[in-house]
Amino acid sequence: MTAGARVTIVDSLISTHGGSWANVEGIETEVEVHELDVRDTARLHEHLREKDVLFNLAGQTSHLDSMRDPRTDLGINCTAQLSLLEACRVDNPELRIVFAGTRQIYGRPRYLPVDEEHPIDPVDVNGINKTAGEWYHLLYGRVYGLPVTVLRLTNTYGPRMRVRDARQTFLGLWIRQALAGEELLVFGDGSQRRDFAYVDDVVRALCLAATSPAALGQVFNVGGDGSVTLSETAELVVRLAGSGRFSIVPFPEERLAIDIGDYYADDTKLRAELGWCPETGLEQGLAATLDFYRAHGARYWGDG
C-alpha cells in the first residue's frame, strides 16, 4: 500500500495506449485492478463510491491519432470526461479529483517559458479535446463544488512508459531504438527546445495536488529541470544507451502541420504554492529509464 492508501486502478488496456499488466507485477496483491474503459460510464459508478481521491489520468495522447481519428479522441478526451464528472457529482461529490491535463492546449508558444496565463490555442484535435476535458473539470468545481485540481503536464518519461512507438511520447520510441542500436530521427533542424519531467517528480506533483488545500480549484503547470534541444536530447540518449545513432531529417508533412515549435514550462506557481520542485535531472532520469528497459524491455517492446 502507498502511504496506507487502498489503491484501485481502472485501465482500459487498449492496445494502442500505454497500459500493461507488466506495470503491476510485484504489487498485484497490494492494488485492485479493473480492466474498464472510461467510456463505459455505467460500470464506472461502482468504482467511484467510497473513494477519497481520483487521479484522472485517462486519455488519448497521440496527436497524429487525434487528426486521423478525431471521433475516438473526442470520445475519450472529452465526452467520457464529462460523463465521469457527472458520475462523480451523483455518486461521490466530495471526491478529490486531480486531472492530468497537457501542455498541448497552449499550442505554439507566444512567449517562453509558458505560464498558466498563456493563451489557450491548440493546434490539433487532441489539444482541443483536452482543453474541453480540463474546462469541464474546472466548471464542475465552480458550479457543483467538486474539489478539482488541474495539472498541465509537459513530456513525462521514465520506467514503464510506452516505448513501442511514439503514441505516448517520442522519447519512449527513441529509448527503444537506441537500445536496439537503431537510428533515431529528429525532425526539423533539431533546435526545438523541450522540457522533460521524470515520472517520480510528476507523481509527487499529483500527490501534492491531491492533498494540499491550496490546490483546490487551481491550474498548475508541471515542467522539468530546465529545457534542452531535441538534438541534444537525442545525443544524450545515444550516449547513455551506448548504442544507436541519430539523424536530423525534414518534418513529415502531417507532423509539421501540428508542430508547436519550442516549448518549456514556467512552473513557478506550482513551486511557490505547493512547494514542488523536480528532483531528477534529465541525464539521471534517462539513465534510470534505460537501465529499466535493459532489464525489462522484452516485456514492453510489443506492449500493444
Protein backbone atom coordinates (compact mmCIF):
# COMPACT_ATOMS: atom_id res chain seq x y z
CA MET A 1 0.00 0.00 0.00
CA THR A 2 1.17 3.53 -0.75
CA ALA A 3 1.09 5.75 2.35
CA GLY A 4 -1.53 3.42 3.79
CA ALA A 5 -3.93 4.02 0.89
CA ARG A 6 -6.12 1.36 -0.66
CA VAL A 7 -5.47 1.77 -4.37
CA THR A 8 -7.88 0.88 -7.17
CA ILE A 9 -6.61 1.04 -10.75
CA VAL A 10 -9.02 1.35 -13.66
CA ASP A 11 -7.45 0.96 -17.11
CA SER A 12 -8.90 0.07 -20.49
CA LEU A 13 -5.66 -1.66 -21.58
CA ILE A 14 -6.37 -0.54 -25.16
CA SER A 15 -3.58 -1.93 -27.32
CA THR A 16 -2.55 1.44 -28.78
CA HIS A 17 -2.27 3.08 -25.36
CA GLY A 18 0.28 2.64 -22.57
CA GLY A 19 -1.42 0.24 -20.16
CA SER A 20 0.35 -3.06 -19.48
CA TRP A 21 -0.08 -5.82 -16.93
CA ALA A 22 3.71 -5.72 -16.56
CA ASN A 23 3.28 -2.42 -14.73
CA VAL A 24 1.69 -4.06 -11.70
CA GLU A 25 4.00 -7.06 -11.45
CA GLY A 26 5.09 -7.46 -7.86
CA ILE A 27 2.25 -5.40 -6.39
CA GLU A 28 -0.73 -7.43 -7.61
CA THR A 29 -1.82 -8.19 -4.05
CA GLU A 30 -1.48 -4.56 -2.95
CA VAL A 31 -3.74 -2.94 -5.56
CA GLU A 32 -7.16 -3.69 -7.03
CA VAL A 33 -7.16 -3.65 -10.84
CA HIS A 34 -10.20 -3.41 -13.12
CA GLU A 35 -9.98 -3.58 -16.89
CA LEU A 36 -12.53 -0.93 -17.80
CA ASP A 37 -12.85 1.75 -20.45
CA VAL A 38 -13.60 5.24 -19.12
CA ARG A 39 -16.24 5.50 -21.84
CA ASP A 40 -18.20 2.69 -20.12
CA THR A 41 -19.78 5.07 -17.63
CA ALA A 42 -22.41 2.58 -16.46
CA ARG A 43 -19.64 0.48 -14.88
CA LEU A 44 -17.70 3.45 -13.54
CA HIS A 45 -20.26 4.34 -10.90
CA GLU A 46 -19.47 1.41 -8.61
CA HIS A 47 -15.76 2.30 -8.55
CA LEU A 48 -16.30 5.93 -7.57
CA ARG A 49 -18.28 5.31 -4.41
CA GLU A 50 -16.46 5.41 -1.06
CA LYS A 51 -13.24 6.71 -2.61
CA ASP A 52 -11.30 9.73 -1.32
CA VAL A 53 -9.13 10.72 -4.31
CA LEU A 54 -9.45 10.26 -8.06
CA PHE A 55 -6.32 10.68 -10.17
CA ASN A 56 -7.89 11.13 -13.58
CA LEU A 57 -5.10 10.09 -15.94
CA ALA A 58 -7.37 8.57 -18.58
CA GLY A 59 -6.79 9.97 -22.02
CA GLN A 60 -5.74 9.52 -25.62
CA THR A 61 -2.35 11.18 -26.05
CA SER A 62 -1.38 10.75 -29.69
CA HIS A 63 -1.62 13.97 -31.65
CA LEU A 64 -1.45 12.24 -35.02
CA ASP A 65 -4.09 9.69 -34.00
CA SER A 66 -6.37 12.55 -32.99
CA MET A 67 -6.13 14.00 -36.50
CA ARG A 68 -6.62 10.65 -38.22
CA ASP A 69 -9.47 9.52 -35.96
CA PRO A 70 -10.92 12.64 -34.30
CA ARG A 71 -14.12 10.97 -33.09
CA THR A 72 -12.27 8.44 -30.95
CA ASP A 73 -10.21 11.24 -29.44
CA LEU A 74 -13.43 13.16 -28.78
CA GLY A 75 -14.96 10.15 -27.08
CA ILE A 76 -12.04 9.55 -24.73
CA ASN A 77 -10.75 13.05 -24.02
CA CYS A 78 -13.98 15.00 -24.00
CA THR A 79 -17.28 13.06 -23.88
CA ALA A 80 -16.04 10.45 -21.41
CA GLN A 81 -14.60 13.15 -19.16
CA LEU A 82 -17.98 14.85 -18.92
CA SER A 83 -19.66 11.53 -18.15
CA LEU A 84 -17.07 10.78 -15.47
CA LEU A 85 -17.68 14.13 -13.80
CA GLU A 86 -21.41 13.53 -13.85
CA ALA A 87 -20.85 10.20 -12.15
CA CYS A 88 -18.70 11.90 -9.51
CA ARG A 89 -21.34 14.58 -8.96
CA VAL A 90 -24.03 11.96 -8.41
CA ASP A 91 -22.14 9.23 -6.55
CA ASN A 92 -19.37 11.00 -4.64
CA PRO A 93 -19.39 14.82 -4.78
CA GLU A 94 -16.70 15.00 -2.06
CA LEU A 95 -14.23 13.00 -4.15
CA ARG A 96 -10.95 14.91 -4.56
CA ILE A 97 -10.16 14.96 -8.30
CA VAL A 98 -6.76 15.63 -9.87
CA PHE A 99 -6.99 15.90 -13.65
CA ALA A 100 -3.91 15.25 -15.79
CA GLY A 101 -4.01 17.94 -18.43
CA THR A 102 -1.38 18.75 -21.03
CA ARG A 103 0.88 21.50 -22.31
CA GLN A 104 -0.61 20.81 -25.77
CA ILE A 105 -3.54 23.10 -25.04
CA TYR A 106 -1.28 26.17 -25.29
CA GLY A 107 -0.45 25.46 -28.93
CA ARG A 108 2.53 27.31 -30.41
CA PRO A 109 4.01 29.42 -27.60
CA ARG A 110 3.78 33.18 -27.97
CA TYR A 111 6.42 33.60 -25.27
CA LEU A 112 8.74 31.39 -23.25
CA PRO A 113 8.69 29.97 -20.70
CA VAL A 114 4.93 29.33 -20.85
CA ASP A 115 3.00 30.15 -17.68
CA GLU A 116 -0.61 29.37 -16.80
CA GLU A 117 -1.79 32.74 -18.13
CA HIS A 118 -0.61 31.96 -21.66
CA PRO A 119 -3.48 31.97 -24.21
CA ILE A 120 -5.09 28.62 -24.97
CA ASP A 121 -4.72 27.99 -28.71
CA PRO A 122 -4.50 24.25 -29.60
CA VAL A 123 -3.02 23.20 -32.94
CA ASP A 124 -4.68 19.78 -33.20
CA VAL A 125 -7.83 17.85 -32.32
CA ASN A 126 -6.16 16.33 -29.26
CA GLY A 127 -5.40 19.77 -27.85
CA ILE A 128 -8.96 20.95 -28.41
CA ASN A 129 -10.49 17.91 -26.72
CA LYS A 130 -8.02 18.03 -23.82
CA THR A 131 -8.93 21.69 -23.35
CA ALA A 132 -12.61 20.79 -23.17
CA GLY A 133 -11.88 17.99 -20.71
CA GLU A 134 -9.95 20.36 -18.49
CA TRP A 135 -12.61 23.05 -18.63
CA TYR A 136 -15.34 20.54 -17.75
CA HIS A 137 -13.39 19.75 -14.59
CA LEU A 138 -12.97 23.40 -13.66
CA LEU A 139 -16.63 24.12 -14.41
CA TYR A 140 -17.85 21.27 -12.21
CA GLY A 141 -15.60 22.61 -9.49
CA ARG A 142 -17.07 26.10 -9.71
CA VAL A 143 -20.73 25.19 -10.25
CA TYR A 144 -21.13 21.96 -8.25
CA GLY A 145 -18.33 22.36 -5.74
CA LEU A 146 -16.40 19.28 -6.80
CA PRO A 147 -12.88 19.53 -5.30
CA VAL A 148 -10.83 19.70 -8.50
CA THR A 149 -7.22 20.48 -9.40
CA VAL A 150 -5.70 20.51 -12.90
CA LEU A 151 -2.07 19.78 -13.70
CA ARG A 152 -0.83 20.67 -17.17
CA LEU A 153 1.96 18.16 -17.78
CA THR A 154 4.94 18.51 -20.06
CA ASN A 155 6.70 15.47 -21.62
CA THR A 156 6.62 12.81 -18.90
CA TYR A 157 9.07 9.93 -19.12
CA GLY A 158 10.55 7.12 -17.07
CA PRO A 159 10.32 3.39 -16.42
CA ARG A 160 7.14 1.68 -17.66
CA MET A 161 6.37 4.31 -20.28
CA ARG A 162 5.17 3.14 -23.70
CA VAL A 163 8.22 2.55 -25.91
CA ARG A 164 6.81 0.56 -28.79
CA ASP A 165 6.01 3.70 -30.77
CA ALA A 166 5.69 7.47 -30.38
CA ARG A 167 1.98 7.48 -29.48
CA GLN A 168 2.67 8.42 -25.87
CA THR A 169 5.88 10.40 -26.41
CA PHE A 170 8.67 10.36 -28.99
CA LEU A 171 11.20 9.89 -26.17
CA GLY A 172 9.90 6.40 -25.45
CA LEU A 173 10.44 5.38 -29.06
CA TRP A 174 13.93 6.87 -29.02
CA ILE A 175 14.81 4.82 -25.93
CA ARG A 176 13.76 1.56 -27.57
CA GLN A 177 15.55 2.42 -30.81
CA ALA A 178 18.77 3.41 -29.07
CA LEU A 179 18.88 0.20 -27.03
CA ALA A 180 18.31 -1.77 -30.24
CA GLY A 181 21.16 0.06 -31.97
CA GLU A 182 18.78 1.72 -34.41
CA GLU A 183 18.58 5.22 -35.82
CA LEU A 184 16.68 7.98 -34.01
CA LEU A 185 15.02 10.54 -36.27
CA VAL A 186 14.99 14.18 -35.15
CA PHE A 187 12.52 16.19 -37.19
CA GLY A 188 13.20 19.75 -38.34
CA ASP A 189 16.59 21.24 -37.59
CA GLY A 190 16.94 19.76 -34.09
CA SER A 191 16.99 23.15 -32.38
CA GLN A 192 13.44 22.92 -30.97
CA ARG A 193 13.52 23.15 -27.19
CA ARG A 194 11.56 20.93 -24.81
CA ASP A 195 11.42 20.16 -21.11
CA PHE A 196 11.04 16.66 -19.71
CA ALA A 197 9.56 15.63 -16.36
CA TYR A 198 10.66 12.37 -14.74
CA VAL A 199 7.78 10.17 -13.64
CA ASP A 200 8.68 10.27 -9.93
CA ASP A 201 8.59 14.07 -9.98
CA VAL A 202 5.20 14.03 -11.71
CA VAL A 203 3.83 11.57 -9.13
CA ARG A 204 4.92 13.91 -6.34
CA ALA A 205 3.11 16.77 -8.08
CA LEU A 206 -0.03 14.65 -8.35
CA CYS A 207 0.09 13.72 -4.66
CA LEU A 208 0.64 17.33 -3.59
CA ALA A 209 -2.30 18.40 -5.74
CA ALA A 210 -4.47 15.76 -4.06
CA THR A 211 -3.55 16.67 -0.50
CA SER A 212 -2.90 20.42 -0.43
CA PRO A 213 -5.83 22.73 0.36
CA ALA A 214 -4.09 25.44 -1.68
CA ALA A 215 -4.51 23.30 -4.81
CA LEU A 216 -8.30 23.30 -4.82
CA GLY A 217 -9.74 24.88 -7.94
CA GLN A 218 -6.28 25.67 -9.28
CA VAL A 219 -4.38 25.02 -12.51
CA PHE A 220 -0.66 24.32 -12.35
CA ASN A 221 2.00 23.77 -14.98
CA VAL A 222 4.31 20.84 -14.27
CA GLY A 223 7.63 21.27 -16.03
CA GLY A 224 11.05 19.68 -15.94
CA ASP A 225 14.55 20.53 -14.84
CA GLY A 226 15.30 23.17 -17.50
CA SER A 227 15.00 22.94 -21.27
CA VAL A 228 17.10 21.17 -23.89
CA THR A 229 17.09 20.98 -27.69
CA LEU A 230 15.85 17.86 -29.42
CA SER A 231 19.24 17.22 -30.99
CA GLU A 232 20.88 17.50 -27.56
CA THR A 233 18.28 15.08 -26.19
CA ALA A 234 18.90 12.54 -28.96
CA GLU A 235 22.66 12.83 -28.44
CA LEU A 236 22.22 12.22 -24.71
CA VAL A 237 20.00 9.16 -25.26
CA VAL A 238 22.51 7.63 -27.68
CA ARG A 239 25.45 8.31 -25.37
CA LEU A 240 23.76 6.87 -22.30
CA ALA A 241 22.48 3.85 -24.22
CA GLY A 242 25.94 3.18 -25.62
CA SER A 243 24.40 2.31 -28.96
CA GLY A 244 22.29 3.73 -31.76
CA ARG A 245 22.71 6.94 -33.69
CA PHE A 246 20.54 9.88 -34.65
CA SER A 247 19.87 11.85 -37.81
CA ILE A 248 18.21 15.22 -38.36
CA VAL A 249 15.61 14.91 -41.11
CA PRO A 250 12.84 17.11 -42.56
CA PHE A 251 9.44 17.07 -40.88
CA PRO A 252 6.86 14.72 -42.37
CA GLU A 253 4.10 16.94 -43.71
CA GLU A 254 1.42 15.70 -41.30
CA ARG A 255 3.68 16.34 -38.31
CA LEU A 256 4.84 19.75 -39.48
CA ALA A 257 1.23 20.96 -39.71
CA ILE A 258 0.69 20.43 -35.95
CA ASP A 259 4.19 21.00 -34.57
CA ILE A 260 4.35 23.56 -31.76
CA GLY A 261 7.99 24.63 -32.14
CA ASP A 262 9.75 25.41 -28.84
CA TYR A 263 8.04 24.70 -25.53
CA TYR A 264 9.14 24.74 -21.93
CA ALA A 265 7.04 25.49 -18.90
CA ASP A 266 7.08 28.17 -16.26
CA ASP A 267 6.03 26.19 -13.19
CA THR A 268 6.78 28.94 -10.66
CA LYS A 269 3.20 28.74 -9.38
CA LEU A 270 3.49 25.04 -8.52
CA ARG A 271 6.80 25.57 -6.78
CA ALA A 272 5.60 28.58 -4.80
CA GLU A 273 2.14 27.37 -3.77
CA LEU A 274 2.68 23.62 -3.28
CA GLY A 275 6.40 23.50 -2.55
CA TRP A 276 7.19 21.24 -5.50
CA CYS A 277 10.40 21.11 -7.49
CA PRO A 278 11.88 18.45 -9.76
CA GLU A 279 14.43 16.21 -8.05
CA THR A 280 15.60 14.17 -11.06
CA GLY A 281 17.63 15.79 -13.81
CA LEU A 282 17.33 14.64 -17.41
CA GLU A 283 20.60 12.69 -17.54
CA GLN A 284 19.86 10.90 -14.27
CA GLY A 285 16.29 10.13 -15.32
CA LEU A 286 17.26 8.87 -18.75
CA ALA A 287 19.97 6.66 -17.25
CA ALA A 288 17.45 5.09 -14.86
CA THR A 289 14.94 4.63 -17.69
CA LEU A 290 17.49 2.98 -19.97
CA ASP A 291 18.57 0.68 -17.14
CA PHE A 292 14.96 -0.35 -16.61
CA TYR A 293 14.44 -1.25 -20.26
CA ARG A 294 17.75 -3.07 -20.50
CA ALA A 295 16.40 -5.35 -17.78
CA HIS A 296 12.71 -5.47 -18.71
CA GLY A 297 12.43 -4.25 -22.29
CA ALA A 298 11.26 -7.57 -23.68
CA ARG A 299 8.04 -7.10 -21.71
CA TYR A 300 7.41 -3.73 -23.36
CA TRP A 301 8.68 -3.86 -26.94
CA GLY A 302 5.43 -5.49 -28.00
CA ASP A 303 3.05 -3.97 -25.45
CA GLY A 304 0.34 -3.37 -27.99
